[in-house]
Amino acid sequence: MRFYFRDFFEAIDGLPDSIGLGYLRLIGHYWGNNHTKGLENNPEVIRKICRIERDEWQEWQDTILGRFFELDEDGMWQQKRAQLLWAETNANYQSAVNRGKAGAAAKWQNRNRQ
């Protein structure tokens, strides 16, 4: 996942470091564990992913979820920018795979003609 440092630090400006780090952990989980399919709407699970203490979570869960994620119609938390980046990354990967397959096929076709 590409990481936009400036955007990240602007987004968490004014928040405690633990909340910024919690958000970063959550985005990492969202990208790496479920490939942007969504986070289950379970505050306790999300809190544990963020590694934020319960008392701090009570104060900050609305900020982390409400500011950085959206609840979709299926009840899953989504992060739109990460979804767009995931789709772009997969499209680029598939394009590279297709180019590699085409190159290999052309190479073998040329070898078979010799």
PDB file of N, CA and C in Angstrom:
ATOM      1  N   MET A   1       0.839  -1.176   0.000  1.00  0.00           N
ATOM      2  CA  MET A   1       0.000   0.000   0.000  1.00  0.00           C
ATOM      3  C   MET A   1       0.882   1.236   0.000  1.00  0.00           C
ATOM      4  N   ARG A   2       0.596   2.120  -0.912  1.00  0.00           N
ATOM      5  CA  ARG A   2       1.291   3.398  -0.890  1.00  0.00           C
ATOM      6  C   ARG A   2       0.875   4.154   0.366  1.00  0.00           C
ATOM      7  N   PHE A   3       1.812   4.886   0.898  1.00  0.00           N
ATOM      8  CA  PHE A   3       1.534   5.647   2.115  1.00  0.00           C
ATOM      9  C   PHE A   3       1.778   7.113   1.841  1.00  0.00           C
ATOM     10  N   TYR A   4       0.778   7.910   2.046  1.00  0.00           N
ATOM     11  CA  TYR A   4       0.857   9.345   1.817  1.00  0.00           C
ATOM     12  C   TYR A   4       1.106  10.030   3.170  1.00  0.00           C
ATOM     13  N   PHE A   5       2.387  10.214   3.469  1.00  0.00           N
ATOM     14  CA  PHE A   5       2.787  10.743   4.769  1.00  0.00           C
ATOM     15  C   PHE A   5       2.112  12.068   5.087  1.00  0.00           C
ATOM     16  N   ARG A   6       2.189  12.998   4.163  1.00  0.00           N
ATOM     17  CA  ARG A   6       1.635  14.329   4.419  1.00  0.00           C
ATOM     18  C   ARG A   6       0.143  14.243   4.734  1.00  0.00           C
ATOM     19  N   ASP A   7      -0.600  13.509   3.929  1.00  0.00           N
ATOM     20  CA  ASP A   7      -2.038  13.372   4.150  1.00  0.00           C
ATOM     21  C   ASP A   7      -2.331  12.714   5.493  1.00  0.00           C
ATOM     22  N   PHE A   8      -1.554  11.692   5.818  1.00  0.00           N
ATOM     23  CA  PHE A   8      -1.764  11.002   7.089  1.00  0.00           C
ATOM     24  C   PHE A   8      -1.549  11.952   8.265  1.00  0.00           C
ATOM     25  N   PHE A   9      -0.426  12.649   8.253  1.00  0.00           N
ATOM     26  CA  PHE A   9      -0.128  13.518   9.387  1.00  0.00           C
ATOM     27  C   PHE A   9      -1.067  14.718   9.452  1.00  0.00           C
ATOM     28  N   GLU A  10      -1.557  15.184   8.321  1.00  0.00           N
ATOM     29  CA  GLU A  10      -2.572  16.236   8.350  1.00  0.00           C
ATOM     30  C   GLU A  10      -3.875  15.706   8.934  1.00  0.00           C
ATOM     31  N   ALA A  11      -4.225  14.468   8.602  1.00  0.00           N
ATOM     32  CA  ALA A  11      -5.474  13.874   9.092  1.00  0.00           C
ATOM     33  C   ALA A  11      -5.463  13.675  10.601  1.00  0.00           C
ATOM     34  N   ILE A  12      -4.303  13.343  11.159  1.00  0.00           N
ATOM     35  CA  ILE A  12      -4.251  13.066  12.603  1.00  0.00           C
ATOM     36  C   ILE A  12      -3.757  14.258  13.412  1.00  0.00           C
ATOM     37  N   ASP A  13      -3.542  15.377  12.747  1.00  0.00           N
ATOM     38  CA  ASP A  13      -3.054  16.562  13.440  1.00  0.00           C
ATOM     39  C   ASP A  13      -3.984  16.928  14.603  1.00  0.00           C
ATOM     40  N   GLY A  14      -3.401  17.117  15.757  1.00  0.00           N
ATOM     41  CA  GLY A  14      -4.177  17.473  16.938  1.00  0.00           C
ATOM     42  C   GLY A  14      -4.677  16.296  17.745  1.00  0.00           C
ATOM     43  N   LEU A  15      -4.527  15.100  17.212  1.00  0.00           N
ATOM     44  CA  LEU A  15      -4.956  13.904  17.946  1.00  0.00           C
ATOM     45  C   LEU A  15      -3.782  13.374  18.764  1.00  0.00           C
ATOM     46  N   PRO A  16      -4.072  12.689  19.873  1.00  0.00           N
ATOM     47  CA  PRO A  16      -2.987  12.053  20.625  1.00  0.00           C
ATOM     48  C   PRO A  16      -2.261  11.027  19.754  1.00  0.00           C
ATOM     49  N   ASP A  17      -0.977  10.847  20.018  1.00  0.00           N
ATOM     50  CA  ASP A  17      -0.185   9.894  19.239  1.00  0.00           C
ATOM     51  C   ASP A  17      -0.782   8.493  19.260  1.00  0.00           C
ATOM     52  N   SER A  18      -1.332   8.089  20.388  1.00  0.00           N
ATOM     53  CA  SER A  18      -1.904   6.740  20.479  1.00  0.00           C
ATOM     54  C   SER A  18      -3.084   6.569  19.525  1.00  0.00           C
ATOM     55  N   ILE A  19      -3.815   7.625  19.280  1.00  0.00           N
ATOM     56  CA  ILE A  19      -4.952   7.555  18.366  1.00  0.00           C
ATOM     57  C   ILE A  19      -4.456   7.494  16.924  1.00  0.00           C
ATOM     58  N   GLY A  20      -3.438   8.295  16.608  1.00  0.00           N
ATOM     59  CA  GLY A  20      -2.847   8.235  15.274  1.00  0.00           C
ATOM     60  C   GLY A  20      -2.274   6.871  14.971  1.00  0.00           C
ATOM     61  N   LEU A  21      -1.566   6.300  15.943  1.00  0.00           N
ATOM     62  CA  LEU A  21      -0.996   4.967  15.755  1.00  0.00           C
ATOM     63  C   LEU A  21      -2.106   3.920  15.652  1.00  0.00           C
ATOM     64  N   GLY A  22      -3.159   4.083  16.426  1.00  0.00           N
ATOM     65  CA  GLY A  22      -4.296   3.166  16.338  1.00  0.00           C
ATOM     66  C   GLY A  22      -4.925   3.193  14.956  1.00  0.00           C
ATOM     67  N   TYR A  23      -5.080   4.388  14.417  1.00  0.00           N
ATOM     68  CA  TYR A  23      -5.623   4.528  13.059  1.00  0.00           C
ATOM     69  C   TYR A  23      -4.708   3.866  12.045  1.00  0.00           C
ATOM     70  N   LEU A  24      -3.410   4.068  12.190  1.00  0.00           N
ATOM     71  CA  LEU A  24      -2.452   3.453  11.273  1.00  0.00           C
ATOM     72  C   LEU A  24      -2.528   1.929  11.345  1.00  0.00           C
ATOM     73  N   ARG A  25      -2.640   1.392  12.546  1.00  0.00           N
ATOM     74  CA  ARG A  25      -2.794  -0.068  12.699  1.00  0.00           C
ATOM     75  C   ARG A  25      -4.081  -0.549  12.033  1.00  0.00           C
ATOM     76  N   LEU A  26      -5.138   0.223  12.203  1.00  0.00           N
ATOM     77  CA  LEU A  26      -6.431  -0.174  11.643  1.00  0.00           C
ATOM     78  C   LEU A  26      -6.389  -0.173  10.119  1.00  0.00           C
ATOM     79  N   ILE A  27      -5.781   0.837   9.540  1.00  0.00           N
ATOM     80  CA  ILE A  27      -5.639   0.897   8.081  1.00  0.00           C
ATOM     81  C   ILE A  27      -4.786  -0.273   7.589  1.00  0.00           C
ATOM     82  N   GLY A  28      -3.708  -0.580   8.319  1.00  0.00           N
ATOM     83  CA  GLY A  28      -2.869  -1.716   7.951  1.00  0.00           C
ATOM     84  C   GLY A  28      -3.642  -3.024   7.978  1.00  0.00           C
ATOM     85  N   HIS A  29      -4.464  -3.186   8.981  1.00  0.00           N
ATOM     86  CA  HIS A  29      -5.296  -4.394   9.088  1.00  0.00           C
ATOM     87  C   HIS A  29      -6.321  -4.428   7.952  1.00  0.00           C
ATOM     88  N   TYR A  30      -6.940  -3.310   7.719  1.00  0.00           N
ATOM     89  CA  TYR A  30      -7.962  -3.198   6.674  1.00  0.00           C
ATOM     90  C   TYR A  30      -7.379  -3.574   5.314  1.00  0.00           C
ATOM     91  N   TRP A  31      -6.177  -3.139   5.064  1.00  0.00           N
ATOM     92  CA  TRP A  31      -5.516  -3.426   3.777  1.00  0.00           C
ATOM     93  C   TRP A  31      -4.981  -4.855   3.738  1.00  0.00           C
ATOM     94  N   GLY A  32      -4.245  -5.227   4.751  1.00  0.00           N
ATOM     95  CA  GLY A  32      -3.494  -6.476   4.703  1.00  0.00           C
ATOM     96  C   GLY A  32      -4.251  -7.724   5.093  1.00  0.00           C
ATOM     97  N   ASN A  33      -5.241  -7.596   5.963  1.00  0.00           N
ATOM     98  CA  ASN A  33      -5.923  -8.793   6.450  1.00  0.00           C
ATOM     99  C   ASN A  33      -7.201  -9.116   5.696  1.00  0.00           C
ATOM    100  N   ASN A  34      -7.898  -8.083   5.253  1.00  0.00           N
ATOM    101  CA  ASN A  34      -9.137  -8.399   4.539  1.00  0.00           C
ATOM    102  C   ASN A  34      -9.234  -7.690   3.196  1.00  0.00           C
ATOM    103  N   HIS A  35      -8.127  -7.109   2.760  1.00  0.00           N
ATOM    104  CA  HIS A  35      -8.023  -6.548   1.413  1.00  0.00           C
ATOM    105  C   HIS A  35      -9.152  -5.567   1.087  1.00  0.00           C
ATOM    106  N   THR A  36      -9.428  -4.686   2.034  1.00  0.00           N
ATOM    107  CA  THR A  36     -10.415  -3.599   1.943  1.00  0.00           C
ATOM    108  C   THR A  36     -11.843  -4.087   1.738  1.00  0.00           C
ATOM    109  N   LYS A  37     -12.152  -5.283   2.204  1.00  0.00           N
ATOM    110  CA  LYS A  37     -13.527  -5.773   2.107  1.00  0.00           C
ATOM    111  C   LYS A  37     -14.414  -5.184   3.198  1.00  0.00           C
ATOM    112  N   GLY A  38     -13.810  -4.544   4.185  1.00  0.00           N
ATOM    113  CA  GLY A  38     -14.582  -3.915   5.254  1.00  0.00           C
ATOM    114  C   GLY A  38     -14.223  -4.482   6.612  1.00  0.00           C
ATOM    115  N   LEU A  39     -14.460  -3.666   7.619  1.00  0.00           N
ATOM    116  CA  LEU A  39     -14.248  -4.080   9.004  1.00  0.00           C
ATOM    117  C   LEU A  39     -15.602  -4.326   9.643  1.00  0.00           C
ATOM    118  N   GLU A  40     -15.724  -5.446  10.313  1.00  0.00           N
ATOM    119  CA  GLU A  40     -16.963  -5.766  11.013  1.00  0.00           C
ATOM    120  C   GLU A  40     -17.273  -4.666  12.026  1.00  0.00           C
ATOM    121  N   ASN A  41     -18.524  -4.305  12.125  1.00  0.00           N
ATOM    122  CA  ASN A  41     -18.937  -3.252  13.051  1.00  0.00           C
ATOM    123  C   ASN A  41     -18.975  -3.802  14.483  1.00  0.00           C
ATOM    124  N   ASN A  42     -17.797  -4.093  14.992  1.00  0.00           N
ATOM    125  CA  ASN A  42     -17.639  -4.611  16.347  1.00  0.00           C
ATOM    126  C   ASN A  42     -16.592  -3.741  17.047  1.00  0.00           C
ATOM    127  N   PRO A  43     -17.036  -2.768  17.847  1.00  0.00           N
ATOM    128  CA  PRO A  43     -16.103  -1.823  18.456  1.00  0.00           C
ATOM    129  C   PRO A  43     -14.996  -2.489  19.280  1.00  0.00           C
ATOM    130  N   GLU A  44     -15.291  -3.589  19.927  1.00  0.00           N
ATOM    131  CA  GLU A  44     -14.274  -4.238  20.751  1.00  0.00           C
ATOM    132  C   GLU A  44     -13.177  -4.850  19.890  1.00  0.00           C
ATOM    133  N   VAL A  45     -13.549  -5.464  18.782  1.00  0.00           N
ATOM    134  CA  VAL A  45     -12.555  -6.021  17.858  1.00  0.00           C
ATOM    135  C   VAL A  45     -11.720  -4.890  17.266  1.00  0.00           C
ATOM    136  N   ILE A  46     -12.370  -3.826  16.852  1.00  0.00           N
ATOM    137  CA  ILE A  46     -11.657  -2.686  16.275  1.00  0.00           C
ATOM    138  C   ILE A  46     -10.720  -2.072  17.309  1.00  0.00           C
ATOM    139  N   ARG A  47     -11.175  -1.949  18.533  1.00  0.00           N
ATOM    140  CA  ARG A  47     -10.336  -1.415  19.606  1.00  0.00           C
ATOM    141  C   ARG A  47      -9.078  -2.263  19.781  1.00  0.00           C
ATOM    142  N   LYS A  48      -9.245  -3.561  19.749  1.00  0.00           N
ATOM    143  CA  LYS A  48      -8.093  -4.454  19.906  1.00  0.00           C
ATOM    144  C   LYS A  48      -7.131  -4.339  18.728  1.00  0.00           C
ATOM    145  N   ILE A  49      -7.648  -4.184  17.522  1.00  0.00           N
ATOM    146  CA  ILE A  49      -6.774  -3.987  16.362  1.00  0.00           C
ATOM    147  C   ILE A  49      -5.968  -2.707  16.537  1.00  0.00           C
ATOM    148  N   CYS A  50      -6.628  -1.658  17.013  1.00  0.00           N
ATOM    149  CA  CYS A  50      -5.965  -0.368  17.242  1.00  0.00           C
ATOM    150  C   CYS A  50      -5.016  -0.405  18.442  1.00  0.00           C
ATOM    151  N   ARG A  51      -5.215  -1.378  19.323  1.00  0.00           N
ATOM    152  CA  ARG A  51      -4.446  -1.493  20.567  1.00  0.00           C
ATOM    153  C   ARG A  51      -4.589  -0.237  21.426  1.00  0.00           C
ATOM    154  N   ILE A  52      -5.820   0.168  21.577  1.00  0.00           N
ATOM    155  CA  ILE A  52      -6.138   1.325  22.403  1.00  0.00           C
ATOM    156  C   ILE A  52      -6.852   0.833  23.652  1.00  0.00           C
ATOM    157  N   GLU A  53      -6.455   1.352  24.797  1.00  0.00           N
ATOM    158  CA  GLU A  53      -7.061   0.967  26.072  1.00  0.00           C
ATOM    159  C   GLU A  53      -8.550   1.331  26.081  1.00  0.00           C
ATOM    160  N   ARG A  54      -9.336   0.569  26.828  1.00  0.00           N
ATOM    161  CA  ARG A  54     -10.786   0.753  26.846  1.00  0.00           C
ATOM    162  C   ARG A  54     -11.196   2.177  27.223  1.00  0.00           C
ATOM    163  N   ASP A  55     -10.583   2.729  28.254  1.00  0.00           N
ATOM    164  CA  ASP A  55     -10.987   4.063  28.686  1.00  0.00           C
ATOM    165  C   ASP A  55     -10.696   5.113  27.608  1.00  0.00           C
ATOM    166  N   GLU A  56      -9.581   4.971  26.922  1.00  0.00           N
ATOM    167  CA  GLU A  56      -9.241   5.882  25.839  1.00  0.00           C
ATOM    168  C   GLU A  56     -10.146   5.636  24.624  1.00  0.00           C
ATOM    169  N   TRP A  57     -10.489   4.374  24.393  1.00  0.00           N
ATOM    170  CA  TRP A  57     -11.345   4.017  23.260  1.00  0.00           C
ATOM    171  C   TRP A  57     -12.720   4.666  23.410  1.00  0.00           C
ATOM    172  N   GLN A  58     -13.255   4.680  24.601  1.00  0.00           N
ATOM    173  CA  GLN A  58     -14.567   5.305  24.823  1.00  0.00           C
ATOM    174  C   GLN A  58     -14.565   6.751  24.352  1.00  0.00           C
ATOM    175  N   GLU A  59     -13.462   7.432  24.571  1.00  0.00           N
ATOM    176  CA  GLU A  59     -13.354   8.829  24.189  1.00  0.00           C
ATOM    177  C   GLU A  59     -13.113   9.021  22.695  1.00  0.00           C
ATOM    178  N   TRP A  60     -12.403   8.078  22.057  1.00  0.00           N
ATOM    179  CA  TRP A  60     -11.899   8.312  20.707  1.00  0.00           C
ATOM    180  C   TRP A  60     -12.484   7.435  19.609  1.00  0.00           C
ATOM    181  N   GLN A  61     -13.329   6.462  19.926  1.00  0.00           N
ATOM    182  CA  GLN A  61     -13.813   5.567  18.872  1.00  0.00           C
ATOM    183  C   GLN A  61     -14.612   6.305  17.801  1.00  0.00           C
ATOM    184  N   ASP A  62     -15.400   7.286  18.189  1.00  0.00           N
ATOM    185  CA  ASP A  62     -16.166   8.033  17.194  1.00  0.00           C
ATOM    186  C   ASP A  62     -15.248   8.826  16.266  1.00  0.00           C
ATOM    187  N   THR A  63     -14.125   9.284  16.792  1.00  0.00           N
ATOM    188  CA  THR A  63     -13.169  10.013  15.960  1.00  0.00           C
ATOM    189  C   THR A  63     -12.526   9.076  14.957  1.00  0.00           C
ATOM    190  N   ILE A  64     -12.020   7.944  15.422  1.00  0.00           N
ATOM    191  CA  ILE A  64     -11.337   7.006  14.526  1.00  0.00           C
ATOM    192  C   ILE A  64     -12.293   6.471  13.466  1.00  0.00           C
ATOM    193  N   LEU A  65     -13.453   6.034  13.895  1.00  0.00           N
ATOM    194  CA  LEU A  65     -14.380   5.446  12.928  1.00  0.00           C
ATOM    195  C   LEU A  65     -15.112   6.521  12.139  1.00  0.00           C
ATOM    196  N   GLY A  66     -15.619   7.530  12.797  1.00  0.00           N
ATOM    197  CA  GLY A  66     -16.419   8.544  12.129  1.00  0.00           C
ATOM    198  C   GLY A  66     -15.626   9.468  11.224  1.00  0.00           C
ATOM    199  N   ARG A  67     -14.387   9.746  11.555  1.00  0.00           N
ATOM    200  CA  ARG A  67     -13.580  10.651  10.746  1.00  0.00           C
ATOM    201  C   ARG A  67     -12.890   9.929   9.596  1.00  0.00           C
ATOM    202  N   PHE A  68     -12.448   8.716   9.837  1.00  0.00           N
ATOM    203  CA  PHE A  68     -11.605   8.029   8.855  1.00  0.00           C
ATOM    204  C   PHE A  68     -12.307   6.908   8.095  1.00  0.00           C
ATOM    205  N   PHE A  69     -13.431   6.440   8.578  1.00  0.00           N
ATOM    206  CA  PHE A  69     -14.146   5.332   7.948  1.00  0.00           C
ATOM    207  C   PHE A  69     -15.610   5.706   7.762  1.00  0.00           C
ATOM    208  N   GLU A  70     -16.283   4.965   6.903  1.00  0.00           N
ATOM    209  CA  GLU A  70     -17.726   5.121   6.701  1.00  0.00           C
ATOM    210  C   GLU A  70     -18.379   3.764   6.899  1.00  0.00           C
ATOM    211  N   LEU A  71     -19.538   3.765   7.527  1.00  0.00           N
ATOM    212  CA  LEU A  71     -20.309   2.541   7.702  1.00  0.00           C
ATOM    213  C   LEU A  71     -21.159   2.345   6.448  1.00  0.00           C
ATOM    214  N   ASP A  72     -20.958   1.209   5.769  1.00  0.00           N
ATOM    215  CA  ASP A  72     -21.711   0.977   4.531  1.00  0.00           C
ATOM    216  C   ASP A  72     -23.072   0.351   4.825  1.00  0.00           C
ATOM    217  N   GLU A  73     -23.846   0.119   3.778  1.00  0.00           N
ATOM    218  CA  GLU A  73     -25.200  -0.420   3.931  1.00  0.00           C
ATOM    219  C   GLU A  73     -25.204  -1.848   4.471  1.00  0.00           C
ATOM    220  N   ASP A  74     -24.077  -2.538   4.392  1.00  0.00           N
ATOM    221  CA  ASP A  74     -23.969  -3.898   4.925  1.00  0.00           C
ATOM    222  C   ASP A  74     -23.476  -3.911   6.367  1.00  0.00           C
ATOM    223  N   GLY A  75     -23.279  -2.724   6.957  1.00  0.00           N
ATOM    224  CA  GLY A  75     -22.820  -2.648   8.336  1.00  0.00           C
ATOM    225  C   GLY A  75     -21.326  -2.881   8.495  1.00  0.00           C
ATOM    226  N   MET A  76     -20.565  -2.648   7.426  1.00  0.00           N
ATOM    227  CA  MET A  76     -19.108  -2.806   7.471  1.00  0.00           C
ATOM    228  C   MET A  76     -18.470  -1.420   7.371  1.00  0.00           C
ATOM    229  N   TRP A  77     -17.386  -1.232   8.130  1.00  0.00           N
ATOM    230  CA  TRP A  77     -16.650   0.026   8.065  1.00  0.00           C
ATOM    231  C   TRP A  77     -15.727  -0.006   6.854  1.00  0.00           C
ATOM    232  N   GLN A  78     -15.795   1.049   6.040  1.00  0.00           N
ATOM    233  CA  GLN A  78     -15.008   1.141   4.822  1.00  0.00           C
ATOM    234  C   GLN A  78     -14.155   2.403   4.843  1.00  0.00           C
ATOM    235  N   GLN A  79     -13.001   2.312   4.213  1.00  0.00           N
ATOM    236  CA  GLN A  79     -12.116   3.465   4.055  1.00  0.00           C
ATOM    237  C   GLN A  79     -11.968   3.675   2.553  1.00  0.00           C
ATOM    238  N   LYS A  80     -12.618   4.687   2.033  1.00  0.00           N
ATOM    239  CA  LYS A  80     -12.747   4.864   0.586  1.00  0.00           C
ATOM    240  C   LYS A  80     -11.398   4.998  -0.123  1.00  0.00           C
ATOM    241  N   ARG A  81     -10.477   5.771   0.441  1.00  0.00           N
ATOM    242  CA  ARG A  81      -9.195   5.953  -0.241  1.00  0.00           C
ATOM    243  C   ARG A  81      -8.446   4.628  -0.340  1.00  0.00           C
ATOM    244  N   ALA A  82      -8.451   3.849   0.721  1.00  0.00           N
ATOM    245  CA  ALA A  82      -7.780   2.547   0.692  1.00  0.00           C
ATOM    246  C   ALA A  82      -8.439   1.629  -0.337  1.00  0.00           C
ATOM    247  N   GLN A  83      -9.760   1.691  -0.446  1.00  0.00           N
ATOM    248  CA  GLN A  83     -10.449   0.879  -1.451  1.00  0.00           C
ATOM    249  C   GLN A  83     -10.005   1.261  -2.863  1.00  0.00           C
ATOM    250  N   LEU A  84      -9.923   2.561  -3.125  1.00  0.00           N
ATOM    251  CA  LEU A  84      -9.484   3.017  -4.448  1.00  0.00           C
ATOM    252  C   LEU A  84      -8.050   2.580  -4.734  1.00  0.00           C
ATOM    253  N   LEU A  85      -7.177   2.713  -3.736  1.00  0.00           N
ATOM    254  CA  LEU A  85      -5.785   2.295  -3.913  1.00  0.00           C
ATOM    255  C   LEU A  85      -5.685   0.791  -4.122  1.00  0.00           C
ATOM    256  N   TRP A  86      -6.501   0.021  -3.416  1.00  0.00           N
ATOM    257  CA  TRP A  86      -6.502  -1.432  -3.577  1.00  0.00           C
ATOM    258  C   TRP A  86      -6.899  -1.806  -5.011  1.00  0.00           C
ATOM    259  N   ALA A  87      -7.966  -1.172  -5.492  1.00  0.00           N
ATOM    260  CA  ALA A  87      -8.422  -1.463  -6.860  1.00  0.00           C
ATOM    261  C   ALA A  87      -7.345  -1.078  -7.875  1.00  0.00           C
ATOM    262  N   GLU A  88      -6.719   0.067  -7.681  1.00  0.00           N
ATOM    263  CA  GLU A  88      -5.659   0.511  -8.588  1.00  0.00           C
ATOM    264  C   GLU A  88      -4.460  -0.438  -8.538  1.00  0.00           C
ATOM    265  N   THR A  89      -4.072  -0.837  -7.344  1.00  0.00           N
ATOM    266  CA  THR A  89      -2.946  -1.748  -7.182  1.00  0.00           C
ATOM    267  C   THR A  89      -3.227  -3.084  -7.856  1.00  0.00           C
ATOM    268  N   ASN A  90      -4.430  -3.610  -7.668  1.00  0.00           N
ATOM    269  CA  ASN A  90      -4.788  -4.884  -8.295  1.00  0.00           C
ATOM    270  C   ASN A  90      -4.844  -4.766  -9.806  1.00  0.00           C
ATOM    271  N   ALA A  91      -5.349  -3.647 -10.309  1.00  0.00           N
ATOM    272  CA  ALA A  91      -5.395  -3.450 -11.768  1.00  0.00           C
ATOM    273  C   ALA A  91      -3.978  -3.394 -12.337  1.00  0.00           C
ATOM    274  N   ASN A  92      -3.092  -2.682 -11.657  1.00  0.00           N
ATOM    275  CA  ASN A  92      -1.696  -2.603 -12.107  1.00  0.00           C
ATOM    276  C   ASN A  92      -1.026  -3.975 -12.062  1.00  0.00           C
ATOM    277  N   TYR A  93      -1.295  -4.724 -11.011  1.00  0.00           N
ATOM    278  CA  TYR A  93      -0.721  -6.070 -10.883  1.00  0.00           C
ATOM    279  C   TYR A  93      -1.224  -6.971 -12.008  1.00  0.00           C
ATOM    280  N   GLN A  94      -2.531  -6.941 -12.248  1.00  0.00           N
ATOM    281  CA  GLN A  94      -3.100  -7.800 -13.288  1.00  0.00           C
ATOM    282  C   GLN A  94      -2.566  -7.419 -14.658  1.00  0.00           C
ATOM    283  N   SER A  95      -2.369  -6.137 -14.882  1.00  0.00           N
ATOM    284  CA  SER A  95      -1.797  -5.678 -16.146  1.00  0.00           C
ATOM    285  C   SER A  95      -0.379  -6.223 -16.322  1.00  0.00           C
ATOM    286  N   ALA A  96       0.408  -6.178 -15.249  1.00  0.00           N
ATOM    287  CA  ALA A  96       1.779  -6.707 -15.309  1.00  0.00           C
ATOM    288  C   ALA A  96       1.768  -8.211 -15.557  1.00  0.00           C
ATOM    289  N   VAL A  97       0.859  -8.918 -14.909  1.00  0.00           N
ATOM    290  CA  VAL A  97       0.738 -10.363 -15.121  1.00  0.00           C
ATOM    291  C   VAL A  97       0.395 -10.652 -16.580  1.00  0.00           C
ATOM    292  N   ASN A  98      -0.556  -9.921 -17.112  1.00  0.00           N
ATOM    293  CA  ASN A  98      -0.965 -10.141 -18.513  1.00  0.00           C
ATOM    294  C   ASN A  98       0.173  -9.839 -19.480  1.00  0.00           C
ATOM    295  N   ARG A  99       0.915  -8.760 -19.219  1.00  0.00           N
ATOM    296  CA  ARG A  99       2.060  -8.445 -20.078  1.00  0.00           C
ATOM    297  C   ARG A  99       3.117  -9.544 -19.983  1.00  0.00           C
ATOM    298  N   GLY A 100       3.348 -10.049 -18.788  1.00  0.00           N
ATOM    299  CA  GLY A 100       4.314 -11.130 -18.613  1.00  0.00           C
ATOM    300  C   GLY A 100       3.895 -12.391 -19.342  1.00  0.00           C
ATOM    301  N   LYS A 101       2.621 -12.738 -19.260  1.00  0.00           N
ATOM    302  CA  LYS A 101       2.110 -13.919 -19.963  1.00  0.00           C
ATOM    303  C   LYS A 101       2.237 -13.744 -21.475  1.00  0.00           C
ATOM    304  N   ALA A 102       1.901 -12.546 -21.954  1.00  0.00           N
ATOM    305  CA  ALA A 102       1.994 -12.291 -23.399  1.00  0.00           C
ATOM    306  C   ALA A 102       3.444 -12.368 -23.861  1.00  0.00           C
ATOM    307  N   GLY A 103       4.352 -11.824 -23.074  1.00  0.00           N
ATOM    308  CA  GLY A 103       5.767 -11.890 -23.429  1.00  0.00           C
ATOM    309  C   GLY A 103       6.284 -13.312 -23.437  1.00  0.00           C
ATOM    310  N   ALA A 104       5.890 -14.091 -22.448  1.00  0.00           N
ATOM    311  CA  ALA A 104       6.321 -15.493 -22.390  1.00  0.00           C
ATOM    312  C   ALA A 104       5.745 -16.287 -23.561  1.00  0.00           C
ATOM    313  N   ALA A 105       4.481 -16.033 -23.873  1.00  0.00           N
ATOM    314  CA  ALA A 105       3.855 -16.747 -24.999  1.00  0.00           C
ATOM    315  C   ALA A 105       4.559 -16.407 -26.308  1.00  0.00           C
ATOM    316  N   ALA A 106       4.895 -15.125 -26.491  1.00  0.00           N
ATOM    317  CA  ALA A 106       5.593 -14.716 -27.713  1.00  0.00           C
ATOM    318  C   ALA A 106       6.976 -15.353 -27.778  1.00  0.00           C
ATOM    319  N   LYS A 107       7.647 -15.412 -26.646  1.00  0.00           N
ATOM    320  CA  LYS A 107       8.983 -16.017 -26.612  1.00  0.00           C
ATOM    321  C   LYS A 107       8.915 -17.494 -26.996  1.00  0.00           C
ATOM    322  N   TRP A 108       7.954 -18.214 -26.426  1.00  0.00           N
ATOM    323  CA  TRP A 108       7.839 -19.646 -26.723  1.00  0.00           C
ATOM    324  C   TRP A 108       7.374 -19.875 -28.153  1.00  0.00           C
ATOM    325  N   GLN A 109       6.530 -18.994 -28.638  1.00  0.00           N
ATOM    326  CA  GLN A 109       6.079 -19.121 -30.021  1.00  0.00           C
ATOM    327  C   GLN A 109       7.248 -18.943 -30.974  1.00  0.00           C
ATOM    328  N   ASN A 110       8.124 -17.962 -30.696  1.00  0.00           N
ATOM    329  CA  ASN A 110       9.310 -17.753 -31.528  1.00  0.00           C
ATOM    330  C   ASN A 110      10.273 -18.929 -31.442  1.00  0.00           C
ATOM    331  N   ARG A 111      10.400 -19.531 -30.286  1.00  0.00           N
ATOM    332  CA  ARG A 111      11.286 -20.699 -30.139  1.00  0.00           C
ATOM    333  C   ARG A 111      10.754 -21.891 -30.906  1.00  0.00           C
ATOM    334  N   ASN A 112       9.438 -22.046 -30.911  1.00  0.00           N
ATOM    335  CA  ASN A 112       8.839 -23.185 -31.614  1.00  0.00           C
ATOM    336  C   ASN A 112       8.969 -23.044 -33.127  1.00  0.00           C
ATOM    337  N   ARG A 113       9.101 -21.843 -33.612  1.00  0.00           N
ATOM    338  CA  ARG A 113       9.245 -21.616 -35.061  1.00  0.00           C
ATOM    339  C   ARG A 113      10.663 -21.957 -35.525  1.00  0.00           C
ATOM    340  N   GLN A 114      11.605 -21.926 -34.653  1.00  0.00           N
ATOM    341  CA  GLN A 114      13.012 -22.153 -35.050  1.00  0.00           C
ATOM    342  C   GLN A 114      13.314 -23.593 -35.294  1.00  0.00           C
TER     343      GLN A 114
END
